[in-house]
Amino acid sequence: MKKSLTILIIILVVVVGGYIILKDSKPAVAPPSESEAIPAGASALETIIAPEKIITYTESGYAPASLKIKAEETVVFKNESSKNMWPASAKHPTHEVYPTTGGCLGSTFDACKGVPPGESWSFKFDIKGDWKFHDHLTPEYFGSVMVE
């Protein structure tokens, strides 16, 4: 009888202890927030391993000067210089090479204003082609985005 009672107490301690430990534990991976949600049509793995498409603006221009992406991807133009940047479609000063209209000068591929140091501007490329761009404030700084 004592042996059965001892076994019952041990089982009870293990069950209660396990419940307490599991109740207070947190998941190893937190679920994504609304802003990190997986885009429609993308798998979780693609979202995790897909590198960001970033073009950095520095004191000496855009880096990389050329970037290859897929259609429907967004490129972030990040200003890491000490002055404003204004990314826009070629050609200076009309900005009308990217074929969608509606931007402030010619195309929608146009920040339409100076982007201060430390800030960024994004553009979603939905048309395939090799799209040249420049900095409207310093036109000798330019680059291209190849959209496949």
N, C-alpha and C. Protein backbone atom coordinates (compact mmCIF):
# COMPACT_ATOMS: atom_id res chain seq x y z
N MET A 1 0.82 -1.19 0.00
CA MET A 1 0.00 0.00 0.00
C MET A 1 0.87 1.26 0.00
N LYS A 2 1.93 1.25 0.86
CA LYS A 2 2.81 2.41 0.92
C LYS A 2 3.50 2.63 -0.43
N LYS A 3 3.85 1.53 -1.10
CA LYS A 3 4.53 1.63 -2.39
C LYS A 3 3.60 2.27 -3.42
N SER A 4 2.34 1.89 -3.45
CA SER A 4 1.36 2.47 -4.38
C SER A 4 1.14 3.94 -4.09
N LEU A 5 1.09 4.31 -2.83
CA LEU A 5 0.90 5.71 -2.45
C LEU A 5 2.11 6.54 -2.85
N THR A 6 3.30 6.01 -2.67
CA THR A 6 4.52 6.71 -3.06
C THR A 6 4.55 6.92 -4.57
N ILE A 7 4.23 5.91 -5.34
CA ILE A 7 4.20 6.02 -6.81
C ILE A 7 3.15 7.05 -7.23
N LEU A 8 2.00 7.03 -6.61
CA LEU A 8 0.94 7.99 -6.92
C LEU A 8 1.39 9.42 -6.62
N ILE A 9 2.07 9.63 -5.50
CA ILE A 9 2.57 10.97 -5.14
C ILE A 9 3.63 11.42 -6.15
N ILE A 10 4.53 10.53 -6.56
CA ILE A 10 5.57 10.88 -7.55
C ILE A 10 4.91 11.28 -8.88
N ILE A 11 3.94 10.50 -9.33
CA ILE A 11 3.24 10.81 -10.58
C ILE A 11 2.54 12.16 -10.46
N LEU A 12 1.91 12.40 -9.35
CA LEU A 12 1.20 13.66 -9.13
C LEU A 12 2.18 14.84 -9.16
N VAL A 13 3.34 14.69 -8.52
CA VAL A 13 4.35 15.76 -8.50
C VAL A 13 4.87 16.02 -9.92
N VAL A 14 5.14 14.97 -10.69
CA VAL A 14 5.62 15.12 -12.06
C VAL A 14 4.57 15.82 -12.93
N VAL A 15 3.33 15.42 -12.82
CA VAL A 15 2.26 16.03 -13.64
C VAL A 15 2.07 17.50 -13.26
N VAL A 16 1.97 17.80 -11.99
CA VAL A 16 1.77 19.19 -11.54
C VAL A 16 3.00 20.03 -11.91
N GLY A 17 4.19 19.49 -11.67
CA GLY A 17 5.42 20.22 -12.01
C GLY A 17 5.52 20.49 -13.50
N GLY A 18 5.21 19.47 -14.31
CA GLY A 18 5.23 19.66 -15.77
C GLY A 18 4.23 20.70 -16.23
N TYR A 19 3.05 20.69 -15.63
CA TYR A 19 2.04 21.69 -15.97
C TYR A 19 2.53 23.10 -15.66
N ILE A 20 3.12 23.27 -14.48
CA ILE A 20 3.61 24.60 -14.08
C ILE A 20 4.72 25.07 -15.01
N ILE A 21 5.64 24.20 -15.35
CA ILE A 21 6.74 24.57 -16.25
C ILE A 21 6.21 24.93 -17.63
N LEU A 22 5.35 24.11 -18.20
CA LEU A 22 4.81 24.37 -19.54
C LEU A 22 3.91 25.59 -19.57
N LYS A 23 3.18 25.83 -18.52
CA LYS A 23 2.26 26.97 -18.46
C LYS A 23 3.02 28.28 -18.53
N ASP A 24 4.19 28.36 -17.91
CA ASP A 24 4.95 29.60 -17.86
C ASP A 24 5.97 29.74 -18.98
N SER A 25 6.17 28.71 -19.76
CA SER A 25 7.17 28.81 -20.82
C SER A 25 6.60 29.59 -22.00
N LYS A 26 7.48 30.23 -22.75
CA LYS A 26 7.09 31.01 -23.93
C LYS A 26 7.49 30.23 -25.17
N PRO A 27 6.80 30.44 -26.30
CA PRO A 27 7.18 29.73 -27.51
C PRO A 27 8.58 30.14 -27.95
N ALA A 28 9.29 29.22 -28.58
CA ALA A 28 10.66 29.49 -29.04
C ALA A 28 10.68 30.59 -30.09
N VAL A 29 9.66 30.65 -30.92
CA VAL A 29 9.58 31.67 -31.95
C VAL A 29 8.25 32.38 -31.79
N ALA A 30 8.31 33.67 -31.61
CA ALA A 30 7.08 34.45 -31.45
C ALA A 30 6.37 34.53 -32.79
N PRO A 31 5.05 34.55 -32.81
CA PRO A 31 4.35 34.71 -34.07
C PRO A 31 4.62 36.08 -34.64
N PRO A 32 4.59 36.22 -35.98
CA PRO A 32 4.89 37.52 -36.58
C PRO A 32 3.85 38.56 -36.20
N SER A 33 4.32 39.79 -36.05
CA SER A 33 3.38 40.88 -35.81
C SER A 33 2.66 41.18 -37.11
N GLU A 34 1.66 42.03 -37.06
CA GLU A 34 0.91 42.36 -38.27
C GLU A 34 1.82 42.96 -39.34
N SER A 35 2.81 43.78 -38.92
CA SER A 35 3.71 44.40 -39.89
C SER A 35 4.70 43.41 -40.46
N GLU A 36 4.90 42.24 -39.81
CA GLU A 36 5.83 41.24 -40.30
C GLU A 36 5.11 40.08 -40.98
N ALA A 37 3.82 40.21 -41.19
CA ALA A 37 3.04 39.11 -41.75
C ALA A 37 3.59 38.71 -43.10
N ILE A 38 3.43 37.43 -43.43
CA ILE A 38 3.93 36.90 -44.69
C ILE A 38 3.07 37.42 -45.82
N PRO A 39 3.68 38.00 -46.88
CA PRO A 39 2.90 38.51 -47.99
C PRO A 39 2.14 37.39 -48.69
N ALA A 40 1.01 37.73 -49.29
CA ALA A 40 0.21 36.76 -50.03
C ALA A 40 1.06 36.12 -51.11
N GLY A 41 0.98 34.81 -51.23
CA GLY A 41 1.72 34.11 -52.27
C GLY A 41 3.14 33.74 -51.89
N ALA A 42 3.63 34.16 -50.74
CA ALA A 42 5.00 33.85 -50.32
C ALA A 42 4.97 32.81 -49.22
N SER A 43 5.95 31.93 -49.25
CA SER A 43 6.03 30.95 -48.17
C SER A 43 6.78 31.56 -47.01
N ALA A 44 6.63 30.97 -45.83
CA ALA A 44 7.33 31.46 -44.65
C ALA A 44 8.83 31.40 -44.87
N LEU A 45 9.33 30.34 -45.50
CA LEU A 45 10.76 30.20 -45.73
C LEU A 45 11.27 31.29 -46.65
N GLU A 46 10.54 31.59 -47.74
CA GLU A 46 10.96 32.66 -48.64
C GLU A 46 11.02 34.00 -47.91
N THR A 47 10.06 34.23 -47.04
CA THR A 47 10.02 35.49 -46.32
C THR A 47 11.19 35.60 -45.35
N ILE A 48 11.56 34.50 -44.71
CA ILE A 48 12.65 34.53 -43.75
C ILE A 48 14.00 34.72 -44.44
N ILE A 49 14.24 34.02 -45.57
CA ILE A 49 15.56 34.07 -46.18
C ILE A 49 15.70 35.13 -47.28
N ALA A 50 14.61 35.74 -47.69
CA ALA A 50 14.69 36.73 -48.75
C ALA A 50 15.44 37.96 -48.26
N PRO A 51 16.54 38.32 -48.93
CA PRO A 51 17.28 39.50 -48.50
C PRO A 51 16.51 40.77 -48.84
N GLU A 52 16.71 41.79 -48.04
CA GLU A 52 16.08 43.08 -48.34
C GLU A 52 16.73 43.68 -49.57
N LYS A 53 15.95 44.34 -50.35
CA LYS A 53 16.44 45.02 -51.55
C LYS A 53 16.70 46.47 -51.15
N ILE A 54 17.94 46.78 -50.83
CA ILE A 54 18.30 48.11 -50.35
C ILE A 54 19.38 48.71 -51.23
N ILE A 55 19.17 49.95 -51.61
CA ILE A 55 20.20 50.75 -52.27
C ILE A 55 20.51 51.88 -51.31
N THR A 56 21.77 51.98 -50.94
CA THR A 56 22.19 52.98 -49.96
C THR A 56 22.77 54.19 -50.67
N TYR A 57 22.37 55.36 -50.21
CA TYR A 57 22.92 56.62 -50.73
C TYR A 57 23.99 57.10 -49.75
N THR A 58 25.20 57.28 -50.26
CA THR A 58 26.33 57.71 -49.43
C THR A 58 26.89 59.01 -49.96
N GLU A 59 27.96 59.47 -49.35
CA GLU A 59 28.61 60.71 -49.80
C GLU A 59 29.14 60.59 -51.23
N SER A 60 29.34 59.36 -51.70
CA SER A 60 29.87 59.17 -53.05
C SER A 60 28.86 58.58 -54.03
N GLY A 61 27.59 58.56 -53.67
CA GLY A 61 26.55 58.09 -54.59
C GLY A 61 25.81 56.88 -54.09
N TYR A 62 25.20 56.15 -55.03
CA TYR A 62 24.37 54.99 -54.70
C TYR A 62 25.20 53.71 -54.67
N ALA A 63 24.91 52.84 -53.71
CA ALA A 63 25.58 51.54 -53.61
C ALA A 63 24.55 50.49 -53.21
N PRO A 64 24.41 49.41 -53.94
CA PRO A 64 25.10 49.17 -55.20
C PRO A 64 24.54 50.07 -56.30
N ALA A 65 25.35 50.30 -57.30
CA ALA A 65 24.91 51.15 -58.42
C ALA A 65 23.95 50.38 -59.32
N SER A 66 23.96 49.07 -59.22
CA SER A 66 23.08 48.23 -60.03
C SER A 66 22.50 47.13 -59.13
N LEU A 67 21.21 46.88 -59.28
CA LEU A 67 20.53 45.87 -58.46
C LEU A 67 19.58 45.09 -59.34
N LYS A 68 19.55 43.75 -59.17
CA LYS A 68 18.65 42.90 -59.93
C LYS A 68 17.57 42.38 -58.98
N ILE A 69 16.30 42.53 -59.39
CA ILE A 69 15.17 42.09 -58.57
C ILE A 69 14.13 41.42 -59.46
N LYS A 70 13.11 40.88 -58.82
CA LYS A 70 11.98 40.32 -59.55
C LYS A 70 10.85 41.36 -59.58
N ALA A 71 10.00 41.27 -60.58
CA ALA A 71 8.85 42.17 -60.67
C ALA A 71 8.02 42.05 -59.41
N GLU A 72 7.45 43.13 -58.98
CA GLU A 72 6.61 43.24 -57.77
C GLU A 72 7.42 43.36 -56.49
N GLU A 73 8.75 43.42 -56.58
CA GLU A 73 9.56 43.61 -55.38
C GLU A 73 9.75 45.11 -55.13
N THR A 74 9.98 45.42 -53.87
CA THR A 74 10.16 46.80 -53.45
C THR A 74 11.62 47.04 -53.12
N VAL A 75 12.13 48.16 -53.59
CA VAL A 75 13.50 48.56 -53.29
C VAL A 75 13.44 49.73 -52.31
N VAL A 76 14.26 49.64 -51.27
CA VAL A 76 14.37 50.71 -50.28
C VAL A 76 15.61 51.53 -50.62
N PHE A 77 15.43 52.82 -50.79
CA PHE A 77 16.54 53.74 -51.00
C PHE A 77 16.82 54.39 -49.64
N LYS A 78 17.94 54.02 -49.04
CA LYS A 78 18.26 54.43 -47.68
C LYS A 78 19.35 55.50 -47.71
N ASN A 79 19.06 56.63 -47.08
CA ASN A 79 20.00 57.75 -47.08
C ASN A 79 20.96 57.65 -45.89
N GLU A 80 22.21 57.31 -46.18
CA GLU A 80 23.24 57.27 -45.15
C GLU A 80 24.30 58.34 -45.38
N SER A 81 23.92 59.40 -46.07
CA SER A 81 24.83 60.51 -46.32
C SER A 81 24.52 61.64 -45.33
N SER A 82 25.22 62.74 -45.50
CA SER A 82 24.98 63.90 -44.63
C SER A 82 24.09 64.94 -45.30
N LYS A 83 23.55 64.62 -46.48
CA LYS A 83 22.70 65.56 -47.20
C LYS A 83 21.44 64.85 -47.70
N ASN A 84 20.47 65.62 -48.13
CA ASN A 84 19.24 65.04 -48.67
C ASN A 84 19.53 64.30 -49.98
N MET A 85 18.75 63.28 -50.24
CA MET A 85 18.77 62.59 -51.54
C MET A 85 17.37 62.66 -52.13
N TRP A 86 17.29 62.53 -53.44
CA TRP A 86 15.99 62.54 -54.13
C TRP A 86 16.06 61.50 -55.25
N PRO A 87 15.81 60.23 -54.95
CA PRO A 87 15.84 59.21 -56.00
C PRO A 87 14.67 59.39 -56.96
N ALA A 88 14.99 59.26 -58.26
CA ALA A 88 13.96 59.42 -59.28
C ALA A 88 14.38 58.70 -60.55
N SER A 89 13.38 58.34 -61.33
CA SER A 89 13.63 57.71 -62.62
C SER A 89 14.48 58.60 -63.50
N ALA A 90 15.27 57.97 -64.38
CA ALA A 90 16.00 58.74 -65.39
C ALA A 90 14.93 59.36 -66.31
N LYS A 91 15.13 60.28 -67.00
CA LYS A 91 16.34 61.05 -67.12
C LYS A 91 16.14 62.40 -66.48
N HIS A 92 17.21 62.96 -66.03
CA HIS A 92 17.16 64.25 -65.35
C HIS A 92 16.91 65.35 -66.37
N PRO A 93 16.04 66.27 -66.15
CA PRO A 93 15.25 66.52 -64.95
C PRO A 93 13.80 66.06 -65.05
N THR A 94 13.43 65.33 -66.13
CA THR A 94 12.01 65.03 -66.37
C THR A 94 11.48 63.81 -65.63
N HIS A 95 12.35 62.86 -65.30
CA HIS A 95 11.97 61.65 -64.54
C HIS A 95 10.89 60.84 -65.25
N GLU A 96 10.95 60.75 -66.56
CA GLU A 96 9.85 60.11 -67.27
C GLU A 96 10.19 58.78 -67.94
N VAL A 97 11.35 58.17 -67.64
CA VAL A 97 11.70 56.91 -68.29
C VAL A 97 10.87 55.74 -67.74
N TYR A 98 10.70 55.63 -66.42
CA TYR A 98 9.85 54.56 -65.90
C TYR A 98 8.43 54.83 -66.38
N PRO A 99 7.77 53.83 -67.00
CA PRO A 99 6.56 54.08 -67.79
C PRO A 99 5.23 54.29 -67.05
N THR A 100 5.24 54.51 -65.75
CA THR A 100 3.97 54.83 -65.09
C THR A 100 3.96 56.31 -64.75
N THR A 101 2.87 56.95 -65.06
CA THR A 101 2.78 58.39 -64.80
C THR A 101 2.03 58.64 -63.50
N GLY A 102 2.21 59.83 -62.97
CA GLY A 102 1.49 60.19 -61.77
C GLY A 102 2.38 60.73 -60.67
N GLY A 103 3.69 60.69 -60.90
CA GLY A 103 4.60 61.27 -59.92
C GLY A 103 4.55 62.78 -59.99
N CYS A 104 5.39 63.43 -59.25
CA CYS A 104 5.35 64.89 -59.22
C CYS A 104 5.90 65.53 -60.50
N LEU A 105 6.82 64.84 -61.20
CA LEU A 105 7.36 65.41 -62.43
C LEU A 105 6.99 64.60 -63.67
N GLY A 106 7.27 63.30 -63.68
CA GLY A 106 6.97 62.51 -64.86
C GLY A 106 6.45 61.13 -64.55
N SER A 107 7.21 60.39 -63.76
CA SER A 107 6.89 58.99 -63.48
C SER A 107 6.57 58.82 -61.99
N THR A 108 5.93 57.70 -61.67
CA THR A 108 5.69 57.40 -60.25
C THR A 108 6.97 57.00 -59.53
N PHE A 109 8.01 56.60 -60.29
CA PHE A 109 9.32 56.28 -59.71
C PHE A 109 10.03 57.60 -59.44
N ASP A 110 9.61 58.27 -58.37
CA ASP A 110 10.11 59.61 -58.03
C ASP A 110 9.75 59.91 -56.57
N ALA A 111 10.74 60.16 -55.76
CA ALA A 111 10.48 60.48 -54.35
C ALA A 111 9.76 61.81 -54.21
N CYS A 112 9.85 62.68 -55.21
CA CYS A 112 9.15 63.97 -55.25
C CYS A 112 9.63 64.98 -54.21
N LYS A 113 10.67 64.65 -53.47
CA LYS A 113 11.23 65.59 -52.51
C LYS A 113 12.55 65.02 -51.98
N GLY A 114 13.30 65.86 -51.33
CA GLY A 114 14.53 65.42 -50.70
C GLY A 114 14.24 64.52 -49.50
N VAL A 115 14.95 63.42 -49.41
CA VAL A 115 14.82 62.49 -48.29
C VAL A 115 15.98 62.77 -47.34
N PRO A 116 15.70 63.19 -46.11
CA PRO A 116 16.77 63.59 -45.18
C PRO A 116 17.70 62.44 -44.78
N PRO A 117 18.90 62.77 -44.33
CA PRO A 117 19.83 61.76 -43.84
C PRO A 117 19.18 60.90 -42.75
N GLY A 118 19.45 59.60 -42.81
CA GLY A 118 18.89 58.67 -41.83
C GLY A 118 17.51 58.15 -42.18
N GLU A 119 16.88 58.71 -43.19
CA GLU A 119 15.54 58.25 -43.60
C GLU A 119 15.64 57.47 -44.90
N SER A 120 14.51 56.92 -45.33
CA SER A 120 14.50 56.14 -46.57
C SER A 120 13.21 56.38 -47.34
N TRP A 121 13.24 55.94 -48.59
CA TRP A 121 12.08 56.01 -49.48
C TRP A 121 12.03 54.69 -50.23
N SER A 122 10.83 54.15 -50.43
CA SER A 122 10.68 52.85 -51.09
C SER A 122 9.87 52.96 -52.36
N PHE A 123 10.18 52.07 -53.30
CA PHE A 123 9.42 52.03 -54.55
C PHE A 123 9.24 50.58 -54.97
N LYS A 124 8.00 50.21 -55.33
CA LYS A 124 7.70 48.86 -55.81
C LYS A 124 7.77 48.86 -57.33
N PHE A 125 8.68 48.04 -57.86
CA PHE A 125 8.86 47.93 -59.30
C PHE A 125 7.95 46.84 -59.83
N ASP A 126 6.93 47.22 -60.59
CA ASP A 126 5.97 46.25 -61.10
C ASP A 126 6.09 46.02 -62.60
N ILE A 127 7.04 46.68 -63.24
CA ILE A 127 7.22 46.53 -64.69
C ILE A 127 8.63 46.03 -64.96
N LYS A 128 8.72 44.96 -65.77
CA LYS A 128 10.03 44.39 -66.10
C LYS A 128 10.81 45.33 -67.01
N GLY A 129 12.13 45.37 -66.80
CA GLY A 129 13.00 46.20 -67.62
C GLY A 129 14.22 46.62 -66.83
N ASP A 130 15.09 47.36 -67.48
CA ASP A 130 16.29 47.89 -66.84
C ASP A 130 16.04 49.38 -66.62
N TRP A 131 15.74 49.75 -65.37
CA TRP A 131 15.30 51.10 -65.07
C TRP A 131 16.42 51.92 -64.45
N LYS A 132 16.84 52.93 -65.18
CA LYS A 132 17.89 53.84 -64.70
C LYS A 132 17.26 54.84 -63.75
N PHE A 133 18.07 55.27 -62.77
CA PHE A 133 17.61 56.30 -61.84
C PHE A 133 18.77 57.22 -61.52
N HIS A 134 18.46 58.33 -60.88
CA HIS A 134 19.48 59.30 -60.49
C HIS A 134 19.03 60.02 -59.22
N ASP A 135 19.94 60.79 -58.66
CA ASP A 135 19.59 61.66 -57.54
C ASP A 135 19.28 63.02 -58.15
N HIS A 136 18.06 63.47 -57.99
CA HIS A 136 17.65 64.73 -58.60
C HIS A 136 18.44 65.92 -58.03
N LEU A 137 18.89 65.82 -56.80
CA LEU A 137 19.64 66.91 -56.18
C LEU A 137 21.13 66.89 -56.56
N THR A 138 21.65 65.72 -56.88
CA THR A 138 23.04 65.57 -57.34
C THR A 138 23.00 64.61 -58.54
N PRO A 139 22.63 65.11 -59.74
CA PRO A 139 22.34 64.26 -60.89
C PRO A 139 23.50 63.38 -61.36
N GLU A 140 24.72 63.69 -60.96
CA GLU A 140 25.83 62.83 -61.38
C GLU A 140 25.87 61.52 -60.61
N TYR A 141 25.02 61.37 -59.59
CA TYR A 141 24.88 60.11 -58.86
C TYR A 141 23.69 59.37 -59.48
N PHE A 142 23.97 58.18 -60.01
CA PHE A 142 22.92 57.43 -60.71
C PHE A 142 23.15 55.93 -60.53
N GLY A 143 22.17 55.16 -61.00
CA GLY A 143 22.25 53.71 -60.93
C GLY A 143 21.15 53.08 -61.75
N SER A 144 20.96 51.77 -61.59
CA SER A 144 19.91 51.08 -62.33
C SER A 144 19.35 49.92 -61.51
N VAL A 145 18.08 49.62 -61.77
CA VAL A 145 17.40 48.47 -61.18
C VAL A 145 16.91 47.61 -62.33
N MET A 146 17.45 46.38 -62.41
CA MET A 146 17.03 45.42 -63.44
C MET A 146 15.89 44.59 -62.85
N VAL A 147 14.70 44.73 -63.47
CA VAL A 147 13.52 44.02 -62.98
C VAL A 147 13.23 42.86 -63.92
N GLU A 148 13.27 41.65 -63.39
CA GLU A 148 13.04 40.45 -64.21
C GLU A 148 11.63 39.93 -64.07
